[in-house]
C-alpha atoms as a PDB file:
ATOM      1  CA  MET A   1      -8.481  -6.135  -1.663  1.00  0.00           C
ATOM      2  CA  PRO A   2      -6.993  -6.545  -5.137  1.00  0.00           C
ATOM      3  CA  THR A   3      -4.141  -4.333  -6.206  1.00  0.00           C
ATOM      4  CA  GLU A   4      -4.321  -2.250  -9.355  1.00  0.00           C
ATOM      5  CA  PHE A   5      -2.473  -3.690 -12.349  1.00  0.00           C
ATOM      6  CA  THR A   6      -0.764  -0.879 -14.293  1.00  0.00           C
ATOM      7  CA  PRO A   7       1.762  -2.408 -16.692  1.00  0.00           C
ATOM      8  CA  LEU A   8       2.303   0.680 -18.853  1.00  0.00           C
ATOM      9  CA  SER A   9       3.157   3.031 -16.004  1.00  0.00           C
ATOM     10  CA  ALA A  10       5.318   0.293 -14.435  1.00  0.00           C
ATOM     11  CA  LEU A  11       7.201  -0.149 -17.719  1.00  0.00           C
ATOM     12  CA  ILE A  12       7.734   3.590 -18.126  1.00  0.00           C
ATOM     13  CA  GLY A  13       8.805   3.972 -14.502  1.00  0.00           C
ATOM     14  CA  GLY A  14      11.227   1.062 -14.731  1.00  0.00           C
ATOM     15  CA  ALA A  15      12.736   2.428 -17.932  1.00  0.00           C
ATOM     16  CA  LEU A  16      13.217   5.856 -16.329  1.00  0.00           C
ATOM     17  CA  ILE A  17      14.864   4.324 -13.265  1.00  0.00           C
ATOM     18  CA  GLY A  18      17.191   2.297 -15.484  1.00  0.00           C
ATOM     19  CA  LEU A  19      18.001   5.376 -17.560  1.00  0.00           C
ATOM     20  CA  ALA A  20      18.784   7.443 -14.441  1.00  0.00           C
ATOM     21  CA  ALA A  21      21.010   4.684 -13.033  1.00  0.00           C
ATOM     22  CA  THR A  22      22.826   4.320 -16.360  1.00  0.00           C
ATOM     23  CA  LEU A  23      23.352   8.074 -16.752  1.00  0.00           C
ATOM     24  CA  LEU A  24      24.710   8.347 -13.215  1.00  0.00           C
ATOM     25  CA  LEU A  25      27.133   5.474 -13.820  1.00  0.00           C
ATOM     26  CA  TRP A  26      28.266   6.820 -17.204  1.00  0.00           C
ATOM     27  CA  SER A  27      28.578  10.456 -16.141  1.00  0.00           C
ATOM     28  CA  LEU A  28      30.018  10.180 -12.628  1.00  0.00           C
ATOM     29  CA  GLY A  29      30.982   6.526 -12.308  1.00  0.00           C
ATOM     30  CA  ARG A  30      28.633   6.184  -9.322  1.00  0.00           C
ATOM     31  CA  ILE A  31      26.072   3.540  -8.420  1.00  0.00           C
ATOM     32  CA  ALA A  32      22.491   4.758  -7.971  1.00  0.00           C
ATOM     33  CA  GLY A  33      21.985   3.256  -4.520  1.00  0.00           C
ATOM     34  CA  ILE A  34      19.636   5.656  -2.786  1.00  0.00           C
ATOM     35  CA  SER A  35      20.622   4.770   0.769  1.00  0.00           C
ATOM     36  CA  GLY A  36      24.302   5.316  -0.043  1.00  0.00           C
ATOM     37  CA  ILE A  37      23.570   8.588  -1.832  1.00  0.00           C
ATOM     38  CA  LEU A  38      21.495   9.846   1.103  1.00  0.00           C
ATOM     39  CA  ASN A  39      24.023   8.708   3.692  1.00  0.00           C
ATOM     40  CA  SER A  40      26.914  10.377   1.860  1.00  0.00           C
ATOM     41  CA  ALA A  41      24.898  13.563   1.293  1.00  0.00           C
ATOM     42  CA  LEU A  42      24.329  13.822   5.043  1.00  0.00           C
ATOM     43  CA  GLU A  43      27.763  12.758   6.287  1.00  0.00           C
ATOM     44  CA  GLN A  44      30.264  13.964   3.668  1.00  0.00           C
ATOM     45  CA  ARG A  45      30.961  17.351   2.176  1.00  0.00           C
ATOM     46  CA  SER A  46      32.605  16.103  -0.999  1.00  0.00           C
ATOM     47  CA  GLU A  47      30.314  15.550  -3.960  1.00  0.00           C
ATOM     48  CA  ARG A  48      27.307  16.706  -1.938  1.00  0.00           C
ATOM     49  CA  GLY A  49      25.898  18.747  -4.847  1.00  0.00           C
ATOM     50  CA  TRP A  50      25.095  15.929  -7.241  1.00  0.00           C
ATOM     51  CA  ARG A  51      23.823  13.770  -4.388  1.00  0.00           C
ATOM     52  CA  LEU A  52      21.348  16.410  -3.219  1.00  0.00           C
ATOM     53  CA  ALA A  53      20.312  17.091  -6.826  1.00  0.00           C
ATOM     54  CA  PHE A  54      19.675  13.371  -7.391  1.00  0.00           C
ATOM     55  CA  LEU A  55      17.573  13.103  -4.220  1.00  0.00           C
ATOM     56  CA  LEU A  56      15.658  16.288  -5.038  1.00  0.00           C
ATOM     57  CA  GLY A  57      14.993  14.870  -8.499  1.00  0.00           C
ATOM     58  CA  LEU A  58      13.399  11.774  -6.951  1.00  0.00           C
ATOM     59  CA  VAL A  59      11.030  13.868  -4.874  1.00  0.00           C
ATOM     60  CA  ALA A  60      10.311  16.290  -7.728  1.00  0.00           C
ATOM     61  CA  ALA A  61       9.575  13.452 -10.164  1.00  0.00           C
ATOM     62  CA  ALA A  62       6.993  11.992  -7.771  1.00  0.00           C
ATOM     63  CA  GLY A  63       5.414  15.425  -7.381  1.00  0.00           C
ATOM     64  CA  ILE A  64       5.266  15.917 -11.144  1.00  0.00           C
ATOM     65  CA  TRP A  65       3.735  12.459 -11.603  1.00  0.00           C
ATOM     66  CA  PHE A  66       0.991  13.177  -9.080  1.00  0.00           C
ATOM     67  CA  ALA A  67       0.349  16.631 -10.561  1.00  0.00           C
ATOM     68  CA  PHE A  68      -0.048  15.420 -14.154  1.00  0.00           C
ATOM     69  CA  THR A  69      -1.835  12.130 -13.540  1.00  0.00           C
ATOM     70  CA  HIS A  70      -4.106  13.429 -10.772  1.00  0.00           C
ATOM     71  CA  ALA A  71      -3.245  10.264  -8.891  1.00  0.00           C
ATOM     72  CA  ALA A  72      -3.244  10.407  -5.124  1.00  0.00           C
ATOM     73  CA  PRO A  73      -0.800   8.688  -2.806  1.00  0.00           C
ATOM     74  CA  ARG A  74      -2.240   5.947  -0.639  1.00  0.00           C
ATOM     75  CA  THR A  75      -3.458   7.124   2.716  1.00  0.00           C
ATOM     76  CA  GLY A  76      -4.858   5.630   5.871  1.00  0.00           C
ATOM     77  CA  PHE A  77      -1.685   4.142   7.304  1.00  0.00           C
ATOM     78  CA  PRO A  78      -1.077   4.833  11.006  1.00  0.00           C
ATOM     79  CA  LEU A  79       1.925   7.113  11.540  1.00  0.00           C
ATOM     80  CA  PRO A  80       3.612   4.882  14.171  1.00  0.00           C
ATOM     81  CA  TRP A  81       3.564   1.954  11.728  1.00  0.00           C
ATOM     82  CA  LEU A  82       5.047   4.123   8.973  1.00  0.00           C
ATOM     83  CA  ILE A  83       7.833   5.287  11.286  1.00  0.00           C
ATOM     84  CA  ALA A  84       8.551   1.716  12.408  1.00  0.00           C
ATOM     85  CA  ALA A  85       8.604   0.532   8.781  1.00  0.00           C
ATOM     86  CA  GLY A  86      11.004   3.321   7.795  1.00  0.00           C
ATOM     87  CA  LEU A  87      13.345   2.489  10.657  1.00  0.00           C
ATOM     88  CA  LEU A  88      13.293  -1.215   9.759  1.00  0.00           C
ATOM     89  CA  VAL A  89      14.070  -0.413   6.127  1.00  0.00           C
ATOM     90  CA  GLY A  90      16.941   1.825   7.240  1.00  0.00           C
ATOM     91  CA  PHE A  91      18.277  -0.936   9.493  1.00  0.00           C
ATOM     92  CA  GLY A  92      17.976  -3.445   6.646  1.00  0.00           C
ATOM     93  CA  THR A  93      19.910  -1.248   4.232  1.00  0.00           C
ATOM     94  CA  ARG A  94      22.729  -0.917   6.757  1.00  0.00           C
ATOM     95  CA  LEU A  95      22.694  -4.637   7.485  1.00  0.00           C
ATOM     96  CA  GLY A  96      22.689  -5.530   3.767  1.00  0.00           C
ATOM     97  CA  ASN A  97      25.261  -2.878   2.789  1.00  0.00           C
ATOM     98  CA  GLY A  98      22.832  -1.295   0.359  1.00  0.00           C
ATOM     99  CA  CYS A  99      19.238  -0.805  -0.591  1.00  0.00           C
ATOM    100  CA  THR A 100      16.856  -2.223  -3.161  1.00  0.00           C
ATOM    101  CA  SER A 101      17.979   0.252  -5.797  1.00  0.00           C
ATOM    102  CA  GLY A 102      21.681  -0.344  -5.231  1.00  0.00           C
ATOM    103  CA  HIS A 103      21.428  -4.128  -5.146  1.00  0.00           C
ATOM    104  CA  GLY A 104      18.320  -4.747  -7.247  1.00  0.00           C
ATOM    105  CA  ILE A 105      18.955  -2.368 -10.107  1.00  0.00           C
ATOM    106  CA  CYS A 106      22.655  -1.619 -10.213  1.00  0.00           C
ATOM    107  CA  GLY A 107      24.080  -4.708  -8.507  1.00  0.00           C
ATOM    108  CA  LEU A 108      22.140  -7.244 -10.555  1.00  0.00           C
ATOM    109  CA  ALA A 109      22.994  -5.363 -13.745  1.00  0.00           C
ATOM    110  CA  ARG A 110      26.677  -5.755 -12.830  1.00  0.00           C
ATOM    111  CA  LEU A 111      26.120  -9.487 -12.109  1.00  0.00           C
ATOM    112  CA  SER A 112      27.101  -9.069  -8.454  1.00  0.00           C
ATOM    113  CA  LYS A 113      26.641 -12.288  -6.467  1.00  0.00           C
ATOM    114  CA  ARG A 114      26.297 -10.290  -3.244  1.00  0.00           C
ATOM    115  CA  SER A 115      23.491  -8.269  -4.809  1.00  0.00           C
ATOM    116  CA  LEU A 116      21.741 -11.417  -6.007  1.00  0.00           C
ATOM    117  CA  VAL A 117      21.742 -12.803  -2.465  1.00  0.00           C
ATOM    118  CA  ALA A 118      20.520  -9.459  -1.090  1.00  0.00           C
ATOM    119  CA  VAL A 119      17.685  -9.265  -3.643  1.00  0.00           C
ATOM    120  CA  LEU A 120      16.608 -12.848  -2.931  1.00  0.00           C
ATOM    121  CA  MET A 121      16.574 -12.084   0.802  1.00  0.00           C
ATOM    122  CA  PHE A 122      14.576  -8.850   0.679  1.00  0.00           C
ATOM    123  CA  MET A 123      12.142 -10.149  -1.932  1.00  0.00           C
ATOM    124  CA  GLY A 124      11.636 -13.303   0.119  1.00  0.00           C
ATOM    125  CA  ALA A 125      11.056 -11.240   3.258  1.00  0.00           C
ATOM    126  CA  GLY A 126       8.525  -9.154   1.334  1.00  0.00           C
ATOM    127  CA  PHE A 127       6.680 -12.217   0.077  1.00  0.00           C
ATOM    128  CA  VAL A 128       6.497 -13.712   3.567  1.00  0.00           C
ATOM    129  CA  THR A 129       5.351 -10.397   5.062  1.00  0.00           C
ATOM    130  CA  VAL A 130       2.524 -10.000   2.540  1.00  0.00           C
ATOM    131  CA  TYR A 131       1.429 -13.605   2.991  1.00  0.00           C
ATOM    132  CA  VAL A 132       1.348 -13.336   6.779  1.00  0.00           C
ATOM    133  CA  LEU A 133      -0.414  -9.981   6.800  1.00  0.00           C
ATOM    134  CA  ARG A 134      -3.047 -10.848   4.180  1.00  0.00           C
ATOM    135  CA  HIS A 135      -3.623 -14.572   4.633  1.00  0.00           C
ATOM    136  CA  VAL A 136      -2.731 -15.302   8.247  1.00  0.00           C
ATOM    137  CA  LEU A 137      -3.689 -12.066  10.015  1.00  0.00           C
ATOM    138  CA  GLY A 138      -6.340 -10.940   7.505  1.00  0.00           C
ATOM    139  CA  VAL A 139      -5.030  -7.387   7.153  1.00  0.00           C
ATOM    140  CA  GLN A 140      -6.335  -5.682   4.001  1.00  0.00           C
ATOM    141  CA  ALA A 141      -4.446  -2.573   2.900  1.00  0.00           C
END
């Protein structure tokens, strides 16, 4: 099954993510790593307000996008697989000391060697996963 190619929405989305990360760094001196923001919002009392606002903004932005574009999120994925995938992503962010947003957006922009290695590892794992699922196992999603 081919995937939909949407360069304009990808460009706009990427620009908005970059703008949000830049504004957070300029205004509060913080890196926009979502796993770190979520972890600190749950475990620490200090600076909880901006962290919760940032996370709420992520969810609200997705809701606004779906409301105005009449797009629908993808469905049909078995719940146990979604839970397992979420747990593996959470484990990976702990293991890699950060998530795709922290390493891929903010870390690479700061020319961090650690972030470059992390991005190469998780992108490589993604490529291998897609290849195995689609071309070895024949799974079409």
